[in-house]
Protein backbone atom coordinates (compact mmCIF):
# COMPACT_ATOMS: atom_id res chain seq x y z
CA UNK A 1 27.49 30.58 52.99
CA UNK A 2 31.23 32.67 53.94
CA UNK A 3 32.89 35.09 51.64
CA UNK A 4 34.48 33.07 49.49
CA UNK A 5 33.13 29.82 47.02
CA UNK A 6 35.29 27.05 47.84
CA UNK A 7 33.37 26.94 51.54
CA UNK A 8 30.09 25.94 49.44
CA UNK A 9 32.22 23.76 47.03
CA UNK A 10 34.08 22.27 50.27
CA UNK A 11 29.99 21.78 52.08
CA UNK A 12 28.59 20.46 48.46
CA UNK A 13 32.36 17.64 49.00
CA UNK A 14 31.62 16.90 52.65
CA UNK A 15 27.96 15.49 52.02
CA UNK A 16 28.78 13.80 48.89
CA UNK A 17 31.83 12.23 50.65
CA UNK A 18 29.49 11.27 53.49
CA UNK A 19 26.96 9.42 51.45
CA UNK A 20 29.49 7.63 49.04
CA UNK A 21 31.28 6.25 52.31
CA UNK A 22 27.84 5.08 53.41
CA UNK A 23 27.67 7.15 56.62
CA UNK A 24 24.92 9.95 58.20
CA UNK A 25 24.77 13.00 58.47
CA UNK A 26 23.25 14.27 62.34
CA UNK A 27 23.03 18.22 62.40
CA UNK A 28 21.15 21.33 63.04
CA UNK A 29 17.91 20.46 60.42
CA UNK A 30 18.08 24.24 58.93
CA UNK A 31 17.71 23.96 54.40
CA UNK A 32 20.01 27.75 54.72
CA UNK A 33 23.99 27.66 54.86
CA UNK A 34 26.52 25.80 54.45
CA UNK A 35 25.25 22.96 56.92
CA UNK A 36 21.90 22.43 54.25
CA UNK A 37 24.29 22.61 51.71
CA UNK A 38 26.37 19.38 52.72
CA UNK A 39 22.44 18.07 53.30
CA UNK A 40 21.21 18.68 49.77
CA UNK A 41 24.45 17.20 48.59
CA UNK A 42 24.13 13.99 51.13
CA UNK A 43 20.55 13.77 50.18
CA UNK A 44 21.01 13.44 46.51
CA UNK A 45 23.22 11.28 47.32
CA UNK A 46 21.24 9.06 48.87
CA UNK A 47 22.30 9.52 52.61
CA UNK A 48 20.38 9.40 55.51
CA UNK A 49 19.87 12.73 56.86
CA UNK A 50 19.00 13.33 60.35
CA UNK A 51 18.24 17.24 61.46
CA UNK A 52 17.21 18.30 65.20
CA UNK A 53 16.16 22.20 64.82
CA UNK A 54 14.80 23.99 68.15
CA UNK A 55 10.75 25.01 68.37
CA UNK A 56 11.57 28.78 67.88
CA UNK A 57 13.92 28.18 64.56
CA UNK A 58 11.27 25.96 63.32
CA UNK A 59 8.74 28.58 64.02
CA UNK A 60 10.96 30.53 61.48
CA UNK A 61 10.69 28.14 58.69
CA UNK A 62 13.74 27.03 58.66
CA UNK A 63 13.98 23.41 58.99
CA UNK A 64 14.95 21.50 55.58
CA UNK A 65 12.07 19.68 54.59
CA UNK A 66 13.05 17.11 52.31
CA UNK A 67 15.30 15.13 55.77
CA UNK A 68 15.19 11.57 56.59
CA UNK A 69 13.95 12.82 59.59
CA UNK A 70 13.85 16.06 61.89
CA UNK A 71 13.16 16.03 65.44
CA UNK A 72 12.16 19.68 66.90
CA UNK A 73 13.24 19.76 70.64
CA UNK A 74 12.67 22.56 73.05
CA UNK A 75 15.71 24.91 72.98
CA UNK A 76 19.06 24.62 71.95
CA UNK A 77 20.35 23.03 74.94
CA UNK A 78 17.72 19.55 74.25
CA UNK A 79 19.04 20.70 70.45
CA UNK A 80 23.07 20.19 70.89
CA UNK A 81 22.59 17.41 73.47
CA UNK A 82 20.50 15.03 70.87
CA UNK A 83 22.95 15.81 68.72
CA UNK A 84 25.62 14.70 70.27
CA UNK A 85 23.90 11.94 71.35
CA UNK A 86 23.23 10.88 67.37
CA UNK A 87 26.24 11.44 66.05
CA UNK A 88 29.50 9.66 66.46
CA UNK A 89 31.81 12.03 65.36
CA UNK A 90 31.71 16.14 64.92
CA UNK A 91 33.01 17.86 61.96
CA UNK A 92 33.08 21.65 62.04
CA UNK A 93 33.14 23.81 58.68
CA UNK A 94 34.09 27.24 58.52
CA UNK A 95 31.35 29.47 59.89
CA UNK A 96 30.41 32.00 62.52
CA UNK A 97 29.73 32.35 66.31
CA UNK A 98 26.96 29.21 66.51
CA UNK A 99 29.79 26.95 64.79
CA UNK A 100 32.66 28.26 66.91
CA UNK A 101 29.91 27.80 70.28
CA UNK A 102 29.33 24.35 69.41
CA UNK A 103 32.58 22.79 68.64
CA UNK A 104 34.02 24.48 71.67
CA UNK A 105 31.13 22.66 73.52
CA UNK A 106 32.27 19.43 72.30
CA UNK A 107 36.31 20.03 73.12
CA UNK A 108 34.78 20.69 76.47
CA UNK A 109 32.63 17.39 76.88
CA UNK A 110 35.56 15.25 75.65
CA UNK A 111 38.04 17.21 77.80
CA UNK A 112 36.68 16.31 80.37
CA UNK A 113 35.18 12.94 79.17
CA UNK A 114 31.87 13.23 78.49
CA UNK A 115 32.44 11.91 75.79
CA UNK A 116 35.11 9.70 73.61
CA UNK A 117 34.24 11.35 70.24
CA UNK A 118 36.34 12.52 66.94
CA UNK A 119 36.43 16.51 66.43
CA UNK A 120 37.18 17.87 63.34
CA UNK A 121 37.75 21.08 61.55
CA UNK A 122 37.53 21.03 57.77
CA UNK A 123 40.06 23.69 57.15
CA UNK A 124 38.88 25.15 53.76
CA UNK A 125 41.75 28.10 52.71
CA UNK A 126 42.99 28.06 55.97
CA UNK A 127 39.89 29.12 57.83
CA UNK A 128 40.42 27.71 60.97
CA UNK A 129 44.57 28.76 61.30
CA UNK A 130 43.49 31.21 63.46
CA UNK A 131 41.74 29.38 65.99
CA UNK A 132 44.18 26.82 65.96
CA UNK A 133 46.93 29.09 66.93
CA UNK A 134 44.67 30.29 69.95
CA UNK A 135 44.66 26.86 70.91
CA UNK A 136 48.25 26.46 71.27
CA UNK A 137 48.88 29.67 72.41
CA UNK A 138 46.15 28.34 75.19
CA UNK A 139 48.24 25.64 75.22
CA UNK A 140 51.98 27.65 75.48
CA UNK A 141 50.10 29.55 78.24
CA UNK A 142 49.16 27.38 80.32
CA UNK A 143 45.24 26.60 80.59
CA UNK A 144 45.16 24.32 78.05
CA UNK A 145 46.56 20.87 78.60
CA UNK A 146 48.73 20.02 75.80
CA UNK A 147 47.12 16.58 75.50
CA UNK A 148 43.98 18.47 74.61
CA UNK A 149 45.10 18.86 71.43
CA UNK A 150 45.10 15.98 69.83
CA UNK A 151 41.20 16.01 70.79
CA UNK A 152 40.89 18.52 67.22
CA UNK A 153 41.44 17.31 64.07
CA UNK A 154 42.23 19.68 61.64
CA UNK A 155 42.79 18.88 57.71
CA UNK A 156 41.59 20.58 54.44
CA UNK A 157 40.49 18.16 52.44
CA UNK A 158 37.19 16.47 53.02
CA UNK A 159 38.26 13.05 52.49
CA UNK A 160 41.84 13.46 54.89
CA UNK A 161 39.39 14.68 57.86
CA UNK A 162 37.16 11.36 57.12
CA UNK A 163 40.10 8.85 57.34
CA UNK A 164 40.71 10.81 60.83
CA UNK A 165 37.55 10.36 62.08
CA UNK A 166 36.26 7.40 60.66
CA UNK A 167 38.58 5.18 59.72
CA UNK A 168 37.69 2.19 57.63
CA UNK A 169 33.94 4.41 56.25
CA UNK A 170 35.39 4.12 52.39
């Protein structure tokens, strides 16, 4: 859940905002962590919530039992592919290594033209600022094209981020 209570509050706000806008949530299918909070908040407000979980996590009883749909897949690669296919936009809340791995895969796929879906960071309390600085450094050092900076939308507030990712879904 992270070290600060505002992470949980932001996760709850994200779930509530998705539901209020009539949007569905596609996520990794667990009942734990911030994404479990997002899922619960969205479900409580009547949103459709679709989970995609690999068998090995489902076997550990990590899967959320109250979802609209829960797809159990063979591993992490099929999970990401199915989530990418089902989603219309990608959002990263504060998180750990798995969050970074999934975020950068979606950024890379966008960079090489495999999708044109928007990607956003919910920058709760400046959590993502070191990463944003690193992306700016990669651009300055010539490893990322300047136009690819626009692939990543960063906002501190849920509604501002959703406005940038899904215009007109209010």
